[in-house]
């Protein structure tokens, strides 16, 4: 009986799913952007490519942050398969790879004046 009541309580607190329907647009996405955003939104060459939209936006509005996007893409490729935390490592090779990746992230994202603090936190977790 207690399990049934717990299950009912879980169901009551869980939001109902929302059904979304996709419909075929009469106009390409780029036409809507031109129509409604006009000159305020930079238009990429390929309006169906999400990375092209991202790059156009960053180039137009956030050029100073472009280096972080490049670093993020590079680090995402390098960190595939590496554990997210040192407690997920089960041997020293894995742990050293985790530490090296953490130091790479510190060098990529943390301002120079604060790097020693961030590097110390990595070493402490190591």
Foldseek 3Di string as FASTA:
>chain_A
DVVVVVVVVVVVPDDDDDDDDDDDDPDDPVVVCCVPVNPPQFDFPDNVDPVSSVVRCCVVPPVVCVLVVVLVVVLVVVCVPQDPALVVDDDDVSNVSNLVSQLSVLVRPPPPVCSVVSNVVSVVRD
